[in-house]
């Protein structure tokens, strides 16, 4: 069930905004997702809840490795690990595909915007000279788009994956 992801939309919109504007994702947004996930404990079987935690920890560990090599930002790692907690286990393949598309769209958006908009005097940090890629926009888009993709593709994947 992807319905819990719908309550994350306002937080994910803020993730995208903060990463574009300041190239930083506030810790409060990661904590908000963790608190919301904790609230789902009452409605989730313990074994499934633990599997979600294992998935989140795995993403965090892999992301932390990327952070150590300066490939990923710390906020990106935290928010992605927190978002993965909400992805139903049987929809991980769908999420991986949605996230891949979101990364491509995010890169196209950032590069196109940087080409069109003048970088001089900009207050949006992602437009400044030498700014990296604000992955938060892709993470936010993936989290928002996943419920739609899951509705569209979960039935067809059930025929392929037993």
Protein backbone atom coordinates (compact mmCIF):
# COMPACT_ATOMS: atom_id res chain seq x y z
CA UNK A 1 0.00 0.00 0.00
CA UNK A 2 1.39 3.35 -1.03
CA UNK A 3 -1.17 5.52 0.76
CA UNK A 4 1.24 6.46 3.59
CA UNK A 5 3.43 8.09 0.95
CA UNK A 6 0.66 10.60 0.27
CA UNK A 7 1.08 12.17 3.72
CA UNK A 8 4.73 12.77 2.87
CA UNK A 9 3.99 15.05 -0.08
CA UNK A 10 4.26 18.36 1.85
CA UNK A 11 7.57 17.27 3.39
CA UNK A 12 8.90 16.11 0.03
CA UNK A 13 7.95 19.41 -1.60
CA UNK A 14 9.96 21.16 1.12
CA UNK A 15 12.90 18.81 0.46
CA UNK A 16 12.94 19.85 -3.19
CA UNK A 17 12.55 23.54 -2.34
CA UNK A 18 15.31 23.64 0.27
CA UNK A 19 17.73 21.69 -1.89
CA UNK A 20 17.17 23.98 -4.88
CA UNK A 21 17.19 27.18 -2.84
CA UNK A 22 19.97 26.47 -0.34
CA UNK A 23 21.60 23.19 -1.54
CA UNK A 24 20.86 21.85 1.96
CA UNK A 25 18.12 19.63 3.29
CA UNK A 26 17.27 20.52 6.89
CA UNK A 27 17.58 17.68 9.40
CA UNK A 28 14.07 18.52 10.61
CA UNK A 29 12.65 17.13 7.35
CA UNK A 30 14.46 13.80 7.83
CA UNK A 31 13.27 13.68 11.43
CA UNK A 32 9.70 14.41 10.29
CA UNK A 33 9.78 11.37 8.01
CA UNK A 34 11.23 9.20 10.77
CA UNK A 35 8.53 10.30 13.22
CA UNK A 36 5.82 9.61 10.66
CA UNK A 37 7.31 6.19 10.00
CA UNK A 38 7.43 5.48 13.72
CA UNK A 39 3.71 6.28 13.89
CA UNK A 40 3.03 3.52 11.35
CA UNK A 41 4.39 0.90 13.78
CA UNK A 42 0.93 0.44 15.28
CA UNK A 43 -0.51 -0.50 11.87
CA UNK A 44 2.31 -2.65 10.50
CA UNK A 45 3.15 -6.25 11.38
CA UNK A 46 6.42 -6.37 13.37
CA UNK A 47 8.28 -8.53 10.83
CA UNK A 48 7.36 -6.17 7.98
CA UNK A 49 8.26 -3.14 10.09
CA UNK A 50 11.69 -4.64 10.79
CA UNK A 51 12.21 -5.33 7.07
CA UNK A 52 11.47 -1.67 6.34
CA UNK A 53 14.03 -0.65 8.94
CA UNK A 54 16.57 -3.03 7.40
CA UNK A 55 15.92 -1.52 3.96
CA UNK A 56 16.33 2.01 5.34
CA UNK A 57 19.55 1.09 7.13
CA UNK A 58 20.90 -0.52 3.97
CA UNK A 59 20.19 2.59 1.92
CA UNK A 60 21.72 4.72 4.67
CA UNK A 61 24.88 2.56 4.79
CA UNK A 62 25.31 2.66 1.01
CA UNK A 63 24.57 6.39 0.97
CA UNK A 64 27.00 7.03 3.80
CA UNK A 65 29.68 5.30 1.76
CA UNK A 66 28.85 7.68 -1.11
CA UNK A 67 28.98 10.58 1.33
CA UNK A 68 32.44 9.52 2.53
CA UNK A 69 33.65 9.60 -1.08
CA UNK A 70 31.97 13.00 -1.60
CA UNK A 71 29.55 11.56 -4.15
CA UNK A 72 26.40 12.30 -2.17
CA UNK A 73 25.37 15.00 0.26
CA UNK A 74 24.52 14.14 3.84
CA UNK A 75 20.98 15.50 3.58
CA UNK A 76 20.38 13.46 0.43
CA UNK A 77 21.50 10.29 2.20
CA UNK A 78 19.31 10.90 5.24
CA UNK A 79 16.16 11.86 3.34
CA UNK A 80 16.48 8.99 0.85
CA UNK A 81 16.98 6.45 3.66
CA UNK A 82 13.96 7.89 5.49
CA UNK A 83 11.84 7.82 2.31
CA UNK A 84 12.73 4.18 1.60
CA UNK A 85 11.18 3.26 4.96
CA UNK A 86 7.76 4.01 3.44
CA UNK A 87 8.16 2.01 0.24
CA UNK A 88 6.23 -1.26 0.40
CA UNK A 89 8.67 -4.14 0.15
CA UNK A 90 7.02 -5.65 -2.92
CA UNK A 91 7.33 -2.28 -4.72
CA UNK A 92 11.09 -1.74 -4.36
CA UNK A 93 11.71 -2.56 -8.02
CA UNK A 94 9.10 -0.03 -9.08
CA UNK A 95 10.64 2.58 -6.76
CA UNK A 96 14.12 1.91 -8.15
CA UNK A 97 12.83 2.59 -11.64
CA UNK A 98 10.91 5.69 -10.58
CA UNK A 99 13.99 6.99 -8.77
CA UNK A 100 16.14 6.39 -11.86
CA UNK A 101 13.71 8.36 -14.02
CA UNK A 102 13.53 11.07 -11.35
CA UNK A 103 17.33 11.37 -11.36
CA UNK A 104 17.37 11.82 -15.14
CA UNK A 105 14.53 14.37 -15.00
CA UNK A 106 16.27 16.20 -12.15
CA UNK A 107 19.52 16.42 -14.10
CA UNK A 108 17.69 17.65 -17.22
CA UNK A 109 15.78 20.22 -15.16
CA UNK A 110 18.90 21.54 -13.39
CA UNK A 111 21.05 21.69 -16.52
CA UNK A 112 18.28 23.30 -18.59
CA UNK A 113 17.51 25.86 -15.90
CA UNK A 114 21.20 26.71 -15.50
CA UNK A 115 21.44 27.23 -19.25
CA UNK A 116 18.33 29.43 -19.49
CA UNK A 117 18.53 31.47 -16.28
CA UNK A 118 21.35 33.91 -15.66
CA UNK A 119 23.51 32.85 -12.73
CA UNK A 120 24.60 36.38 -11.84
CA UNK A 121 22.93 37.76 -8.74
CA UNK A 122 20.91 34.60 -8.17
CA UNK A 123 19.76 33.76 -4.67
CA UNK A 124 18.91 30.18 -5.63
CA UNK A 125 22.02 28.27 -4.65
CA UNK A 126 21.66 25.54 -7.30
CA UNK A 127 22.09 28.24 -9.95
CA UNK A 128 25.33 29.57 -8.51
CA UNK A 129 28.66 29.02 -10.25
CA UNK A 130 30.14 25.60 -9.49
CA UNK A 131 27.08 24.32 -7.61
CA UNK A 132 26.66 20.56 -7.52
CA UNK A 133 23.52 18.60 -8.30
CA UNK A 134 20.65 19.11 -5.83
CA UNK A 135 19.57 15.46 -5.60
CA UNK A 136 16.77 16.40 -3.20
CA UNK A 137 14.64 17.47 -6.16
CA UNK A 138 14.90 13.96 -7.65
CA UNK A 139 14.31 12.28 -4.30
CA UNK A 140 11.21 14.42 -3.74
CA UNK A 141 9.91 13.72 -7.24
CA UNK A 142 10.46 9.97 -6.83
CA UNK A 143 8.59 9.94 -3.51
CA UNK A 144 5.68 11.90 -4.98
CA UNK A 145 5.54 9.93 -8.24
CA UNK A 146 5.93 6.46 -6.72
CA UNK A 147 2.29 5.97 -5.65
CA UNK A 148 1.14 6.73 -9.20
CA UNK A 149 3.74 4.41 -10.74
CA UNK A 150 2.87 1.68 -8.25
CA UNK A 151 -0.80 1.89 -9.20
CA UNK A 152 0.06 1.74 -12.89
CA UNK A 153 2.68 -1.00 -12.80
CA UNK A 154 2.16 -3.21 -9.74
CA UNK A 155 -0.48 -5.33 -11.47
CA UNK A 156 1.70 -5.90 -14.50
CA UNK A 157 4.72 -6.75 -12.37
CA UNK A 158 2.74 -9.33 -10.43
CA UNK A 159 2.45 -11.29 -13.67
CA UNK A 160 6.23 -11.22 -14.12
CA UNK A 161 7.52 -11.57 -10.56
CA UNK A 162 5.95 -14.40 -8.52
